[in-house]
Amino acid sequence: MSDDQGNDQNEAEAFRAVLRGLRVPHAGDLPVFDPDTAPDTPLPLFRRWLREAAEAGEPGPHTMTLATADADRRPSQRTVMLHDADEHGWHFGTHRTSRKGRELAENPYASLAFHWMRAGRQVRVSGRVGEAGPEESAADLRDRSPAALAAALAGSGRQSEALGSYEELLRAFEAAYERAEREPDATAPTWTLYVLEADEVEFYQEEARRRHVRLRYRRDPGERGGWRRELLWP
């Protein structure tokens, strides 16, 4: 075995040792989730869990993994922010010319995943995604921070495209920051508010002895509130 091969093997073993030694951190005792007390529809429970995550100091409780797939059913994932959750669905924004925007145009179904580590909780939301209107998309952008507006202006029409150089990025953002300060109501033509209308929502609560609770809601017009509830094996 060469020295390089030996070093690679030692590095691989050290990496696996790190993984085996990792433990999931929780903030004290995990909350108890009694699925029998869950509401008939998923939205109130989701809002309560997100609010509790925020109150517990969970970093970025509104961040979520967005999974989409292209016309060939090849998936991709990224982390985005939740902008709202109401009777219409789960809201998020992006440029419709970005990779996720293009994939949603080809295949208008997506899945969202929230992970609140301190409480040992996860929520998965799946369903069809539609675009809000231009006025709603513009209002969504106005509600964001000046830095978020600048990022949207800089990335309009070119998010996910190949970048020629880091200097090009710096110049584009400097111009965008200046415009955001000068025009706080500026709009980015490609910025789009998307709404995921859920047909399935799953709540996952960890338990210290790994008797995790999984409660799934599935749309069913024949059920009370329009949703069927069922427990899943962890």
Protein backbone atom coordinates (compact mmCIF):
# COMPACT_ATOMS: atom_id res chain seq x y z
CA MET A 1 0.00 0.00 0.00
CA SER A 2 1.38 3.41 -0.93
CA ASP A 3 1.67 6.28 1.53
CA ASP A 4 -1.16 8.11 -0.24
CA GLN A 5 -3.45 5.07 0.03
CA GLY A 6 -2.59 4.68 3.69
CA ASN A 7 -3.34 8.33 4.37
CA ASP A 8 -6.66 8.06 2.53
CA GLN A 9 -7.63 4.99 4.56
CA ASN A 10 -6.68 6.66 7.84
CA GLU A 11 -8.67 9.75 6.90
CA ALA A 12 -11.69 7.63 6.00
CA GLU A 13 -11.53 5.77 9.33
CA ALA A 14 -11.17 9.04 11.23
CA PHE A 15 -14.19 10.43 9.41
CA ARG A 16 -16.30 7.36 10.23
CA ALA A 17 -15.21 7.58 13.87
CA VAL A 18 -16.46 11.17 13.99
CA LEU A 19 -19.82 10.11 12.53
CA ARG A 20 -20.20 7.22 15.00
CA GLY A 21 -19.48 9.55 17.90
CA LEU A 22 -22.06 12.17 16.98
CA ARG A 23 -25.24 12.53 18.98
CA VAL A 24 -28.32 14.61 18.23
CA PRO A 25 -28.47 17.53 20.71
CA HIS A 26 -31.74 18.31 22.40
CA ALA A 27 -32.65 21.17 24.71
CA GLY A 28 -33.41 19.16 27.85
CA ASP A 29 -36.35 16.77 27.92
CA LEU A 30 -38.19 16.17 24.69
CA PRO A 31 -41.84 17.26 24.57
CA VAL A 32 -44.48 14.56 24.67
CA PHE A 33 -46.77 14.43 21.66
CA ASP A 34 -50.13 12.72 22.16
CA PRO A 35 -51.58 12.22 18.67
CA ASP A 36 -55.06 11.77 20.13
CA THR A 37 -55.08 15.45 21.03
CA ALA A 38 -54.07 16.60 17.52
CA PRO A 39 -56.54 18.85 15.67
CA ASP A 40 -58.63 17.64 12.74
CA THR A 41 -56.54 19.62 10.25
CA PRO A 42 -52.75 20.04 10.07
CA LEU A 43 -52.38 23.82 9.84
CA PRO A 44 -53.11 24.67 13.53
CA LEU A 45 -50.65 22.02 14.71
CA PHE A 46 -47.98 23.22 12.28
CA ARG A 47 -48.37 26.81 13.41
CA ARG A 48 -48.14 25.77 17.06
CA TRP A 49 -45.01 23.69 16.51
CA LEU A 50 -43.28 26.49 14.59
CA ARG A 51 -44.22 29.04 17.25
CA GLU A 52 -42.92 26.75 19.99
CA ALA A 53 -39.68 26.22 18.06
CA ALA A 54 -39.22 29.99 17.80
CA GLU A 55 -39.97 30.50 21.50
CA ALA A 56 -37.46 27.76 22.40
CA GLY A 57 -34.71 29.59 20.53
CA GLU A 58 -34.46 27.20 17.62
CA PRO A 59 -32.15 28.85 15.02
CA GLY A 60 -34.07 29.78 11.89
CA PRO A 61 -37.29 27.88 12.68
CA HIS A 62 -38.81 29.16 9.43
CA THR A 63 -36.10 27.60 7.27
CA MET A 64 -37.09 24.51 5.33
CA THR A 65 -35.79 22.12 2.73
CA LEU A 66 -37.61 22.46 -0.59
CA ALA A 67 -37.46 19.41 -2.85
CA THR A 68 -38.47 19.65 -6.51
CA ALA A 69 -37.99 17.46 -9.56
CA ASP A 70 -37.55 18.22 -13.25
CA ALA A 71 -39.45 16.74 -16.18
CA ASP A 72 -37.17 13.67 -16.06
CA ARG A 73 -38.05 13.20 -12.36
CA ARG A 74 -34.53 14.01 -11.21
CA PRO A 75 -34.82 15.58 -7.74
CA SER A 76 -32.99 18.55 -6.29
CA GLN A 77 -33.09 20.16 -2.85
CA ARG A 78 -32.23 23.48 -1.27
CA THR A 79 -32.95 25.43 1.90
CA VAL A 80 -35.41 28.33 1.65
CA MET A 81 -37.56 30.35 4.05
CA LEU A 82 -41.24 29.97 4.77
CA HIS A 83 -43.08 33.25 4.13
CA ASP A 84 -46.51 32.20 5.39
CA ALA A 85 -48.77 29.25 6.12
CA ASP A 86 -52.50 29.80 5.83
CA GLU A 87 -55.66 28.20 4.49
CA HIS A 88 -54.27 28.49 0.96
CA GLY A 89 -51.06 26.62 1.72
CA TRP A 90 -47.38 27.04 2.54
CA HIS A 91 -45.79 30.13 0.91
CA PHE A 92 -42.24 30.68 -0.30
CA GLY A 93 -40.59 32.93 -2.87
CA THR A 94 -37.95 32.59 -5.55
CA HIS A 95 -37.18 33.65 -9.09
CA ARG A 96 -39.25 31.72 -11.59
CA THR A 97 -36.15 31.58 -13.81
CA SER A 98 -34.11 29.81 -11.12
CA ARG A 99 -33.60 26.05 -11.17
CA LYS A 100 -36.39 25.48 -8.68
CA GLY A 101 -38.67 27.85 -10.59
CA ARG A 102 -37.99 26.05 -13.85
CA GLU A 103 -38.54 22.66 -12.24
CA LEU A 104 -41.84 23.78 -10.73
CA ALA A 105 -42.94 24.91 -14.19
CA GLU A 106 -42.11 21.44 -15.55
CA ASN A 107 -43.39 19.46 -12.58
CA PRO A 108 -45.63 21.50 -10.23
CA TYR A 109 -45.28 19.21 -7.21
CA ALA A 110 -42.89 19.68 -4.30
CA SER A 111 -42.13 18.65 -0.75
CA LEU A 112 -41.09 20.78 2.22
CA ALA A 113 -39.23 19.52 5.28
CA PHE A 114 -38.80 21.34 8.60
CA HIS A 115 -36.40 20.10 11.30
CA TRP A 116 -36.48 21.58 14.79
CA MET A 117 -33.59 19.83 16.50
CA ARG A 118 -34.03 21.22 20.01
CA ALA A 119 -37.49 19.69 20.34
CA GLY A 120 -36.75 16.61 18.24
CA ARG A 121 -39.47 17.52 15.78
CA GLN A 122 -39.87 17.32 12.02
CA VAL A 123 -42.70 18.24 9.67
CA ARG A 124 -42.96 17.15 6.05
CA VAL A 125 -45.44 18.85 3.69
CA SER A 126 -46.15 17.64 0.14
CA GLY A 127 -48.50 18.81 -2.57
CA ARG A 128 -49.10 20.79 -5.73
CA VAL A 129 -47.44 24.19 -6.11
CA GLY A 130 -48.99 27.18 -7.84
CA GLU A 131 -47.88 30.76 -8.49
CA ALA A 132 -49.48 33.68 -6.72
CA GLY A 133 -50.38 36.71 -8.82
CA PRO A 134 -47.98 39.56 -9.71
CA GLU A 135 -49.41 41.84 -7.03
CA GLU A 136 -48.98 39.23 -4.31
CA SER A 137 -45.45 38.48 -5.48
CA ALA A 138 -44.55 42.17 -5.44
CA ALA A 139 -46.08 42.57 -1.96
CA ASP A 140 -44.08 39.57 -0.75
CA LEU A 141 -40.86 41.19 -1.91
CA ARG A 142 -41.77 44.52 -0.29
CA ASP A 143 -42.28 42.76 3.05
CA ARG A 144 -38.72 41.42 3.07
CA SER A 145 -35.59 43.09 4.42
CA PRO A 146 -33.54 45.60 2.34
CA ALA A 147 -30.80 42.97 2.03
CA ALA A 148 -33.32 40.42 0.74
CA LEU A 149 -34.63 42.99 -1.76
CA ALA A 150 -31.08 43.68 -2.95
CA ALA A 151 -30.43 39.95 -3.37
CA ALA A 152 -33.63 39.58 -5.37
CA LEU A 153 -32.70 42.52 -7.60
CA ALA A 154 -29.19 41.20 -8.16
CA GLY A 155 -30.40 37.69 -8.97
CA SER A 156 -33.36 38.63 -11.12
CA GLY A 157 -33.25 36.57 -14.30
CA ARG A 158 -29.92 34.92 -13.52
CA GLN A 159 -30.24 32.96 -10.26
CA SER A 160 -28.73 29.46 -10.67
CA GLU A 161 -26.93 30.55 -13.87
CA ALA A 162 -23.16 30.16 -14.24
CA LEU A 163 -21.21 33.09 -12.77
CA GLY A 164 -18.24 34.46 -14.68
CA SER A 165 -16.27 35.63 -11.64
CA TYR A 166 -16.63 36.60 -8.01
CA GLU A 167 -15.91 40.21 -8.95
CA GLU A 168 -18.96 40.16 -11.23
CA LEU A 169 -21.06 39.08 -8.24
CA LEU A 170 -19.66 41.89 -6.09
CA ARG A 171 -20.43 44.51 -8.73
CA ALA A 172 -23.98 43.24 -9.24
CA PHE A 173 -24.73 43.24 -5.52
CA GLU A 174 -23.21 46.67 -4.95
CA ALA A 175 -25.49 48.08 -7.65
CA ALA A 176 -28.46 46.19 -6.19
CA TYR A 177 -27.81 47.50 -2.65
CA GLU A 178 -27.68 51.05 -3.96
CA ARG A 179 -30.93 50.59 -5.85
CA ALA A 180 -32.66 48.98 -2.86
CA GLU A 181 -31.77 52.00 -0.73
CA ARG A 182 -32.87 54.40 -3.46
CA GLU A 183 -36.05 52.50 -4.44
CA PRO A 184 -37.38 50.51 -1.44
CA ASP A 185 -40.48 49.62 -3.49
CA ALA A 186 -38.48 48.31 -6.45
CA THR A 187 -39.66 45.06 -7.98
CA ALA A 188 -37.71 42.18 -9.49
CA PRO A 189 -39.64 41.04 -12.59
CA THR A 190 -38.87 37.36 -12.08
CA TRP A 191 -39.58 37.26 -8.34
CA THR A 192 -42.52 34.95 -7.71
CA LEU A 193 -44.47 33.94 -4.64
CA TYR A 194 -45.31 30.24 -4.72
CA VAL A 195 -47.97 28.46 -2.67
CA LEU A 196 -47.85 24.75 -1.93
CA GLU A 197 -51.35 23.34 -1.44
CA ALA A 198 -50.70 20.34 0.76
CA ASP A 199 -52.31 16.97 0.19
CA GLU A 200 -50.12 15.29 2.83
CA VAL A 201 -48.57 16.61 6.06
CA GLU A 202 -46.58 14.44 8.46
CA PHE A 203 -45.59 15.36 12.03
CA TYR A 204 -42.68 13.54 13.65
CA GLN A 205 -41.84 13.72 17.35
CA GLU A 206 -38.69 12.03 18.64
CA GLU A 207 -38.78 10.07 21.89
CA ALA A 208 -35.76 9.26 24.09
CA ARG A 209 -36.26 5.49 23.77
CA ARG A 210 -36.83 5.86 20.03
CA ARG A 211 -40.56 5.21 20.24
CA HIS A 212 -40.97 8.13 17.87
CA VAL A 213 -44.49 9.35 17.07
CA ARG A 214 -45.41 9.88 13.43
CA LEU A 215 -48.80 11.37 12.61
CA ARG A 216 -49.78 11.78 8.98
CA TYR A 217 -52.62 13.88 7.59
CA ARG A 218 -53.90 13.01 4.11
CA ARG A 219 -56.55 14.94 2.24
CA ASP A 220 -59.86 13.11 2.21
CA PRO A 221 -63.09 15.01 1.44
CA GLY A 222 -65.08 12.33 3.26
CA GLU A 223 -63.37 12.93 6.59
CA ARG A 224 -64.06 15.59 9.19
CA GLY A 225 -62.25 18.77 8.21
CA GLY A 226 -61.31 17.21 4.88
CA TRP A 227 -58.32 15.30 6.28
CA ARG A 228 -57.68 11.72 7.35
CA ARG A 229 -55.31 11.15 10.26
CA GLU A 230 -53.21 8.01 10.67
CA LEU A 231 -50.24 6.88 12.72
CA LEU A 232 -47.11 5.48 11.03
CA TRP A 233 -44.49 3.10 12.31
CA PRO A 234 -41.26 4.98 13.07
